[in-house]
Amino acid sequence: MKSLVNKKGFTLVEIMIVVAIIGLLAAIAIPNLLRARLNANEGAVKADLRTFSSAAESYRAAQATPTYAAALTNMTAATPAYVDTSFTGAKHGYAFTYAGATNTYSMYASPSTVGTTGNNYYCVDHTGVLVVSAAALTATATTCGGGTAIA
């Protein structure tokens, strides 16, 4: 039988300790990364809604008779476009919904997967006030219903 005294390598116990340490570090880091992604999504959505509010006011001011866009396509198909087509679908883990009328509008953002892509619902309307709620908001062509105004 050969002697193992001069053999180099790791024992099973050493490997198990390293795996346990890596597992512990992953258990600490992964939730923080997911929370950071969720916060980044929500920050981006708030910025997008503020941008949209400015674009809606620019669109209204450019009309012969000041009116808001009846449909989002009026703003995306204009030359130059007031907003890009990303507002017609999902962006930053949120789905956007537009409702417009002559003197009012609302743009509503809801998380695609609550708890994963976002926790809050957001809305901006013709007043330019951004509203947030942990529960679904009631957005219509006239206003964002419910929620709390944020700066």
N, C-alpha and C. Protein backbone atom coordinates (compact mmCIF):
# COMPACT_ATOMS: atom_id res chain seq x y z
N MET A 1 0.83 -1.16 0.00
CA MET A 1 0.00 0.00 0.00
C MET A 1 0.89 1.24 0.00
N LYS A 2 0.46 2.23 -0.79
CA LYS A 2 1.26 3.46 -0.90
C LYS A 2 0.97 4.40 0.26
N SER A 3 1.97 5.14 0.63
CA SER A 3 1.82 6.10 1.71
C SER A 3 1.23 7.40 1.17
N LEU A 4 0.28 7.99 1.90
CA LEU A 4 -0.36 9.24 1.49
C LEU A 4 0.26 10.44 2.18
N VAL A 5 1.35 10.25 2.85
CA VAL A 5 1.97 11.31 3.61
C VAL A 5 2.45 12.44 2.71
N ASN A 6 3.03 12.14 1.58
CA ASN A 6 3.59 13.16 0.70
C ASN A 6 2.64 13.58 -0.42
N LYS A 7 1.41 13.11 -0.42
CA LYS A 7 0.45 13.47 -1.46
C LYS A 7 -0.10 14.87 -1.18
N LYS A 8 -0.23 15.66 -2.25
CA LYS A 8 -0.77 17.00 -2.13
C LYS A 8 -2.21 16.99 -2.63
N GLY A 9 -3.05 17.83 -2.02
CA GLY A 9 -4.45 17.92 -2.43
C GLY A 9 -5.31 18.35 -1.26
N PHE A 10 -6.60 18.46 -1.53
CA PHE A 10 -7.55 18.88 -0.51
C PHE A 10 -8.32 17.68 0.02
N THR A 11 -8.60 17.73 1.28
CA THR A 11 -9.43 16.66 1.86
C THR A 11 -10.89 17.01 1.62
N LEU A 12 -11.73 16.03 1.79
CA LEU A 12 -13.17 16.22 1.60
C LEU A 12 -13.70 17.26 2.59
N VAL A 13 -13.19 17.27 3.79
CA VAL A 13 -13.64 18.23 4.80
C VAL A 13 -13.29 19.66 4.37
N GLU A 14 -12.10 19.86 3.84
CA GLU A 14 -11.70 21.19 3.39
C GLU A 14 -12.59 21.67 2.24
N ILE A 15 -12.89 20.80 1.33
CA ILE A 15 -13.76 21.15 0.20
C ILE A 15 -15.17 21.49 0.70
N MET A 16 -15.66 20.72 1.66
CA MET A 16 -17.00 20.99 2.21
C MET A 16 -17.05 22.33 2.93
N ILE A 17 -15.98 22.70 3.61
CA ILE A 17 -15.92 24.00 4.29
C ILE A 17 -15.95 25.13 3.26
N VAL A 18 -15.20 25.00 2.19
CA VAL A 18 -15.18 26.02 1.14
C VAL A 18 -16.57 26.15 0.50
N VAL A 19 -17.22 25.04 0.20
CA VAL A 19 -18.56 25.07 -0.38
C VAL A 19 -19.55 25.74 0.58
N ALA A 20 -19.43 25.46 1.86
CA ALA A 20 -20.31 26.07 2.86
C ALA A 20 -20.10 27.58 2.92
N ILE A 21 -18.86 28.02 2.85
CA ILE A 21 -18.56 29.46 2.86
C ILE A 21 -19.13 30.13 1.62
N ILE A 22 -18.96 29.52 0.46
CA ILE A 22 -19.51 30.08 -0.79
C ILE A 22 -21.03 30.14 -0.71
N GLY A 23 -21.65 29.11 -0.17
CA GLY A 23 -23.10 29.10 -0.01
C GLY A 23 -23.58 30.21 0.91
N LEU A 24 -22.86 30.43 1.99
CA LEU A 24 -23.21 31.50 2.93
C LEU A 24 -23.09 32.87 2.27
N LEU A 25 -22.01 33.09 1.54
CA LEU A 25 -21.83 34.36 0.84
C LEU A 25 -22.93 34.58 -0.19
N ALA A 26 -23.31 33.53 -0.91
CA ALA A 26 -24.38 33.64 -1.90
C ALA A 26 -25.71 33.95 -1.23
N ALA A 27 -25.96 33.34 -0.09
CA ALA A 27 -27.21 33.58 0.64
C ALA A 27 -27.32 35.03 1.11
N ILE A 28 -26.18 35.65 1.36
CA ILE A 28 -26.17 37.05 1.77
C ILE A 28 -26.26 37.97 0.55
N ALA A 29 -25.54 37.66 -0.51
CA ALA A 29 -25.43 38.56 -1.65
C ALA A 29 -26.63 38.54 -2.58
N ILE A 30 -27.20 37.39 -2.85
CA ILE A 30 -28.27 37.29 -3.86
C ILE A 30 -29.50 38.12 -3.48
N PRO A 31 -30.02 38.06 -2.25
CA PRO A 31 -31.17 38.91 -1.93
C PRO A 31 -30.87 40.40 -2.08
N ASN A 32 -29.64 40.80 -1.74
CA ASN A 32 -29.27 42.21 -1.90
C ASN A 32 -29.24 42.60 -3.37
N LEU A 33 -28.76 41.72 -4.23
CA LEU A 33 -28.74 42.00 -5.66
C LEU A 33 -30.16 42.09 -6.22
N LEU A 34 -31.03 41.20 -5.79
CA LEU A 34 -32.42 41.24 -6.26
C LEU A 34 -33.12 42.51 -5.78
N ARG A 35 -32.88 42.91 -4.55
CA ARG A 35 -33.46 44.14 -4.02
C ARG A 35 -32.93 45.36 -4.78
N ALA A 36 -31.64 45.34 -5.11
CA ALA A 36 -31.06 46.45 -5.86
C ALA A 36 -31.67 46.54 -7.26
N ARG A 37 -31.90 45.39 -7.90
CA ARG A 37 -32.53 45.39 -9.22
C ARG A 37 -33.95 45.92 -9.15
N LEU A 38 -34.69 45.51 -8.14
CA LEU A 38 -36.06 45.97 -7.95
C LEU A 38 -36.09 47.48 -7.74
N ASN A 39 -35.20 48.00 -6.90
CA ASN A 39 -35.13 49.44 -6.66
C ASN A 39 -34.72 50.19 -7.92
N ALA A 40 -33.82 49.62 -8.70
CA ALA A 40 -33.42 50.25 -9.96
C ALA A 40 -34.59 50.30 -10.94
N ASN A 41 -35.37 49.23 -11.02
CA ASN A 41 -36.55 49.22 -11.89
C ASN A 41 -37.52 50.32 -11.48
N GLU A 42 -37.79 50.43 -10.19
CA GLU A 42 -38.74 51.43 -9.73
C GLU A 42 -38.22 52.84 -9.96
N GLY A 43 -36.94 53.06 -9.77
CA GLY A 43 -36.36 54.38 -10.04
C GLY A 43 -36.45 54.73 -11.51
N ALA A 44 -36.20 53.76 -12.38
CA ALA A 44 -36.27 54.00 -13.82
C ALA A 44 -37.71 54.29 -14.26
N VAL A 45 -38.67 53.60 -13.67
CA VAL A 45 -40.08 53.82 -14.02
C VAL A 45 -40.51 55.22 -13.60
N LYS A 46 -40.10 55.67 -12.42
CA LYS A 46 -40.44 57.03 -11.99
C LYS A 46 -39.85 58.06 -12.95
N ALA A 47 -38.61 57.85 -13.36
CA ALA A 47 -37.99 58.77 -14.32
C ALA A 47 -38.71 58.73 -15.66
N ASP A 48 -39.10 57.54 -16.11
CA ASP A 48 -39.83 57.41 -17.38
C ASP A 48 -41.17 58.13 -17.32
N LEU A 49 -41.87 58.03 -16.22
CA LEU A 49 -43.17 58.70 -16.10
C LEU A 49 -43.01 60.22 -16.07
N ARG A 50 -41.95 60.70 -15.45
CA ARG A 50 -41.70 62.15 -15.46
C ARG A 50 -41.36 62.61 -16.89
N THR A 51 -40.58 61.81 -17.59
CA THR A 51 -40.26 62.12 -18.99
C THR A 51 -41.53 62.11 -19.82
N PHE A 52 -42.38 61.13 -19.60
CA PHE A 52 -43.64 61.05 -20.34
C PHE A 52 -44.51 62.27 -20.07
N SER A 53 -44.58 62.71 -18.84
CA SER A 53 -45.38 63.88 -18.49
C SER A 53 -44.90 65.11 -19.26
N SER A 54 -43.60 65.29 -19.33
CA SER A 54 -43.04 66.41 -20.10
C SER A 54 -43.37 66.28 -21.57
N ALA A 55 -43.27 65.07 -22.10
CA ALA A 55 -43.58 64.83 -23.52
C ALA A 55 -45.05 65.09 -23.80
N ALA A 56 -45.93 64.70 -22.89
CA ALA A 56 -47.37 64.93 -23.09
C ALA A 56 -47.68 66.42 -23.11
N GLU A 57 -47.02 67.18 -22.26
CA GLU A 57 -47.23 68.64 -22.26
C GLU A 57 -46.67 69.27 -23.53
N SER A 58 -45.54 68.76 -24.01
CA SER A 58 -44.98 69.26 -25.27
C SER A 58 -45.91 68.95 -26.43
N TYR A 59 -46.46 67.76 -26.45
CA TYR A 59 -47.41 67.37 -27.50
C TYR A 59 -48.62 68.29 -27.46
N ARG A 60 -49.17 68.53 -26.29
CA ARG A 60 -50.35 69.38 -26.15
C ARG A 60 -50.06 70.80 -26.63
N ALA A 61 -48.91 71.33 -26.26
CA ALA A 61 -48.56 72.70 -26.66
C ALA A 61 -48.36 72.83 -28.16
N ALA A 62 -47.97 71.75 -28.83
CA ALA A 62 -47.70 71.80 -30.27
C ALA A 62 -48.96 71.69 -31.12
N GLN A 63 -50.09 71.35 -30.52
CA GLN A 63 -51.32 71.20 -31.29
C GLN A 63 -51.94 72.57 -31.57
N ALA A 64 -52.63 72.69 -32.72
CA ALA A 64 -53.30 73.94 -33.08
C ALA A 64 -54.31 74.31 -31.99
N THR A 65 -55.10 73.36 -31.58
CA THR A 65 -55.97 73.51 -30.42
C THR A 65 -55.38 72.62 -29.34
N PRO A 66 -54.89 73.20 -28.24
CA PRO A 66 -54.19 72.40 -27.23
C PRO A 66 -55.03 71.23 -26.71
N THR A 67 -54.63 70.02 -27.07
CA THR A 67 -55.27 68.80 -26.60
C THR A 67 -54.20 67.75 -26.34
N TYR A 68 -54.50 66.86 -25.42
CA TYR A 68 -53.61 65.73 -25.18
C TYR A 68 -53.88 64.66 -26.23
N ALA A 69 -52.94 63.77 -26.40
CA ALA A 69 -53.09 62.68 -27.37
C ALA A 69 -54.22 61.75 -26.95
N ALA A 70 -55.09 61.43 -27.91
CA ALA A 70 -56.18 60.50 -27.62
C ALA A 70 -55.64 59.08 -27.45
N ALA A 71 -54.56 58.78 -28.16
CA ALA A 71 -53.92 57.47 -28.08
C ALA A 71 -52.42 57.66 -28.04
N LEU A 72 -51.74 56.72 -27.46
CA LEU A 72 -50.28 56.79 -27.35
C LEU A 72 -49.61 56.83 -28.72
N THR A 73 -50.23 56.19 -29.70
CA THR A 73 -49.65 56.18 -31.05
C THR A 73 -49.57 57.58 -31.64
N ASN A 74 -50.42 58.50 -31.22
CA ASN A 74 -50.32 59.88 -31.70
C ASN A 74 -48.98 60.50 -31.29
N MET A 75 -48.48 60.11 -30.13
CA MET A 75 -47.21 60.66 -29.65
C MET A 75 -46.00 59.91 -30.20
N THR A 76 -46.16 58.61 -30.46
CA THR A 76 -45.03 57.82 -30.97
C THR A 76 -44.87 57.96 -32.47
N ALA A 77 -45.97 58.25 -33.19
CA ALA A 77 -45.91 58.34 -34.65
C ALA A 77 -45.63 59.75 -35.14
N ALA A 78 -45.63 60.72 -34.26
CA ALA A 78 -45.36 62.10 -34.66
C ALA A 78 -43.92 62.22 -35.16
N THR A 79 -43.67 63.26 -35.96
CA THR A 79 -42.31 63.50 -36.45
C THR A 79 -41.86 64.87 -35.96
N PRO A 80 -40.89 64.93 -35.09
CA PRO A 80 -40.24 63.82 -34.38
C PRO A 80 -41.17 63.26 -33.30
N ALA A 81 -40.90 62.04 -32.91
CA ALA A 81 -41.73 61.38 -31.90
C ALA A 81 -41.53 62.05 -30.54
N TYR A 82 -42.62 62.19 -29.81
CA TYR A 82 -42.54 62.78 -28.48
C TYR A 82 -42.04 61.75 -27.46
N VAL A 83 -42.41 60.50 -27.65
CA VAL A 83 -41.91 59.40 -26.81
C VAL A 83 -41.61 58.22 -27.73
N ASP A 84 -40.75 57.32 -27.26
CA ASP A 84 -40.46 56.14 -28.07
C ASP A 84 -41.51 55.06 -27.84
N THR A 85 -41.47 54.05 -28.67
CA THR A 85 -42.50 53.00 -28.62
C THR A 85 -42.35 52.08 -27.42
N SER A 86 -41.32 52.24 -26.62
CA SER A 86 -41.17 51.37 -25.44
C SER A 86 -42.30 51.58 -24.44
N PHE A 87 -42.99 52.70 -24.51
CA PHE A 87 -44.12 52.94 -23.61
C PHE A 87 -45.35 52.13 -24.01
N THR A 88 -45.32 51.50 -25.17
CA THR A 88 -46.48 50.72 -25.60
C THR A 88 -46.44 49.29 -25.06
N GLY A 89 -45.40 48.93 -24.37
CA GLY A 89 -45.30 47.56 -23.83
C GLY A 89 -44.64 47.56 -22.48
N ALA A 90 -43.83 46.56 -22.25
CA ALA A 90 -43.13 46.42 -20.96
C ALA A 90 -41.75 47.08 -21.04
N LYS A 91 -41.38 47.71 -19.95
CA LYS A 91 -40.09 48.40 -19.87
C LYS A 91 -39.67 48.40 -18.40
N HIS A 92 -38.44 48.01 -18.12
CA HIS A 92 -37.91 47.97 -16.74
C HIS A 92 -38.76 47.08 -15.84
N GLY A 93 -39.35 46.03 -16.40
CA GLY A 93 -40.16 45.13 -15.59
C GLY A 93 -41.54 45.68 -15.26
N TYR A 94 -41.96 46.72 -15.93
CA TYR A 94 -43.27 47.33 -15.72
C TYR A 94 -44.03 47.38 -17.04
N ALA A 95 -45.34 47.24 -16.96
CA ALA A 95 -46.21 47.39 -18.13
C ALA A 95 -46.86 48.77 -18.05
N PHE A 96 -46.87 49.49 -19.17
CA PHE A 96 -47.42 50.84 -19.22
C PHE A 96 -48.78 50.84 -19.92
N THR A 97 -49.71 51.63 -19.38
CA THR A 97 -51.04 51.76 -19.96
C THR A 97 -51.37 53.25 -20.04
N TYR A 98 -51.76 53.70 -21.24
CA TYR A 98 -52.09 55.11 -21.46
C TYR A 98 -53.59 55.27 -21.67
N ALA A 99 -54.14 56.32 -21.10
CA ALA A 99 -55.53 56.70 -21.36
C ALA A 99 -55.54 58.20 -21.60
N GLY A 100 -56.10 58.63 -22.73
CA GLY A 100 -56.09 60.05 -23.06
C GLY A 100 -57.45 60.58 -23.44
N ALA A 101 -57.66 61.85 -23.16
CA ALA A 101 -58.86 62.57 -23.56
C ALA A 101 -58.42 63.97 -23.97
N THR A 102 -59.36 64.81 -24.34
CA THR A 102 -59.02 66.14 -24.85
C THR A 102 -58.19 66.95 -23.87
N ASN A 103 -58.63 67.04 -22.64
CA ASN A 103 -57.95 67.90 -21.66
C ASN A 103 -57.26 67.14 -20.54
N THR A 104 -57.25 65.83 -20.61
CA THR A 104 -56.64 65.03 -19.54
C THR A 104 -55.97 63.79 -20.12
N TYR A 105 -55.12 63.19 -19.32
CA TYR A 105 -54.52 61.90 -19.67
C TYR A 105 -54.03 61.24 -18.39
N SER A 106 -53.72 59.98 -18.46
CA SER A 106 -52.99 59.30 -17.39
C SER A 106 -52.11 58.22 -18.01
N MET A 107 -50.95 58.04 -17.43
CA MET A 107 -50.04 56.96 -17.82
C MET A 107 -49.81 56.14 -16.56
N TYR A 108 -50.15 54.87 -16.66
CA TYR A 108 -50.15 53.96 -15.52
C TYR A 108 -49.06 52.91 -15.72
N ALA A 109 -48.28 52.64 -14.68
CA ALA A 109 -47.23 51.62 -14.74
C ALA A 109 -47.47 50.59 -13.64
N SER A 110 -47.60 49.34 -14.04
CA SER A 110 -47.81 48.26 -13.07
C SER A 110 -46.69 47.23 -13.23
N PRO A 111 -46.20 46.68 -12.11
CA PRO A 111 -45.12 45.69 -12.21
C PRO A 111 -45.57 44.45 -12.96
N SER A 112 -44.71 43.95 -13.84
CA SER A 112 -45.03 42.73 -14.59
C SER A 112 -45.17 41.55 -13.64
N THR A 113 -44.28 41.47 -12.66
CA THR A 113 -44.35 40.43 -11.63
C THR A 113 -44.14 41.09 -10.28
N VAL A 114 -45.21 41.24 -9.52
CA VAL A 114 -45.12 41.92 -8.22
C VAL A 114 -44.15 41.16 -7.32
N GLY A 115 -43.23 41.92 -6.71
CA GLY A 115 -42.25 41.33 -5.82
C GLY A 115 -40.95 40.95 -6.51
N THR A 116 -40.99 40.82 -7.83
CA THR A 116 -39.78 40.45 -8.57
C THR A 116 -39.28 41.63 -9.41
N THR A 117 -40.16 42.22 -10.21
CA THR A 117 -39.76 43.35 -11.05
C THR A 117 -40.10 44.68 -10.41
N GLY A 118 -40.98 44.67 -9.42
CA GLY A 118 -41.36 45.89 -8.72
C GLY A 118 -42.39 45.58 -7.65
N ASN A 119 -42.48 46.47 -6.67
CA ASN A 119 -43.46 46.30 -5.59
C ASN A 119 -44.60 47.30 -5.69
N ASN A 120 -44.35 48.43 -6.33
CA ASN A 120 -45.32 49.52 -6.33
C ASN A 120 -45.92 49.77 -7.70
N TYR A 121 -47.09 50.39 -7.69
CA TYR A 121 -47.78 50.82 -8.90
C TYR A 121 -47.61 52.34 -8.99
N TYR A 122 -47.40 52.84 -10.21
CA TYR A 122 -47.17 54.27 -10.41
C TYR A 122 -48.12 54.82 -11.46
N CYS A 123 -48.42 56.12 -11.33
CA CYS A 123 -49.28 56.77 -12.31
C CYS A 123 -48.94 58.25 -12.35
N VAL A 124 -49.03 58.85 -13.53
CA VAL A 124 -48.91 60.29 -13.68
C VAL A 124 -50.07 60.74 -14.57
N ASP A 125 -50.62 61.91 -14.26
CA ASP A 125 -51.72 62.41 -15.07
C ASP A 125 -51.44 63.84 -15.51
N HIS A 126 -52.46 64.50 -16.07
CA HIS A 126 -52.29 65.83 -16.63
C HIS A 126 -51.85 66.88 -15.61
N THR A 127 -51.98 66.60 -14.33
CA THR A 127 -51.50 67.53 -13.31
C THR A 127 -49.99 67.48 -13.17
N GLY A 128 -49.37 66.42 -13.70
CA GLY A 128 -47.93 66.25 -13.59
C GLY A 128 -47.48 65.64 -12.28
N VAL A 129 -48.43 65.28 -11.43
CA VAL A 129 -48.11 64.70 -10.13
C VAL A 129 -47.94 63.19 -10.29
N LEU A 130 -46.83 62.69 -9.81
CA LEU A 130 -46.55 61.26 -9.84
C LEU A 130 -47.12 60.63 -8.58
N VAL A 131 -47.90 59.56 -8.76
CA VAL A 131 -48.59 58.90 -7.65
C VAL A 131 -48.05 57.48 -7.52
N VAL A 132 -47.90 57.01 -6.28
CA VAL A 132 -47.42 55.66 -6.01
C VAL A 132 -48.37 54.97 -5.05
N SER A 133 -48.49 53.66 -5.21
CA SER A 133 -49.32 52.86 -4.32
C SER A 133 -48.79 51.43 -4.29
N ALA A 134 -48.91 50.79 -3.13
CA ALA A 134 -48.53 49.38 -3.02
C ALA A 134 -49.60 48.49 -3.62
N ALA A 135 -50.82 49.01 -3.75
CA ALA A 135 -51.92 48.27 -4.37
C ALA A 135 -52.21 48.88 -5.74
N ALA A 136 -52.89 48.15 -6.58
CA ALA A 136 -53.21 48.64 -7.93
C ALA A 136 -54.00 49.94 -7.84
N LEU A 137 -53.63 50.89 -8.70
CA LEU A 137 -54.32 52.18 -8.78
C LEU A 137 -55.45 52.10 -9.80
N THR A 138 -56.39 53.02 -9.70
CA THR A 138 -57.44 53.11 -10.71
C THR A 138 -57.13 54.30 -11.60
N ALA A 139 -56.49 54.04 -12.73
CA ALA A 139 -56.12 55.10 -13.66
C ALA A 139 -57.18 55.19 -14.75
N THR A 140 -57.66 56.41 -14.98
CA THR A 140 -58.62 56.65 -16.06
C THR A 140 -58.06 57.76 -16.93
N ALA A 141 -58.80 58.14 -17.95
CA ALA A 141 -58.35 59.22 -18.82
C ALA A 141 -58.36 60.56 -18.10
N THR A 142 -59.01 60.62 -16.95
CA THR A 142 -59.09 61.90 -16.27
C THR A 142 -58.13 62.05 -15.10
N THR A 143 -57.75 60.96 -14.47
CA THR A 143 -56.92 61.09 -13.28
C THR A 143 -56.32 59.76 -12.85
N CYS A 144 -55.38 59.84 -11.92
CA CYS A 144 -54.83 58.67 -11.25
C CYS A 144 -55.57 58.55 -9.92
N GLY A 145 -56.35 57.51 -9.75
CA GLY A 145 -57.13 57.37 -8.53
C GLY A 145 -56.38 56.62 -7.45
N GLY A 146 -56.38 57.16 -6.24
CA GLY A 146 -55.73 56.51 -5.11
C GLY A 146 -54.24 56.78 -5.08
N GLY A 147 -53.59 56.24 -4.11
CA GLY A 147 -52.14 56.38 -4.01
C GLY A 147 -51.71 57.65 -3.30
N THR A 148 -50.40 57.81 -3.22
CA THR A 148 -49.79 58.94 -2.55
C THR A 148 -48.91 59.69 -3.53
N ALA A 149 -49.04 61.00 -3.57
CA ALA A 149 -48.20 61.82 -4.44
C ALA A 149 -46.76 61.79 -3.94
N ILE A 150 -45.82 61.70 -4.89
CA ILE A 150 -44.40 61.73 -4.53
C ILE A 150 -43.73 62.85 -5.30
N ALA A 151 -42.66 63.37 -4.74
CA ALA A 151 -41.95 64.48 -5.36
C ALA A 151 -41.06 64.00 -6.47
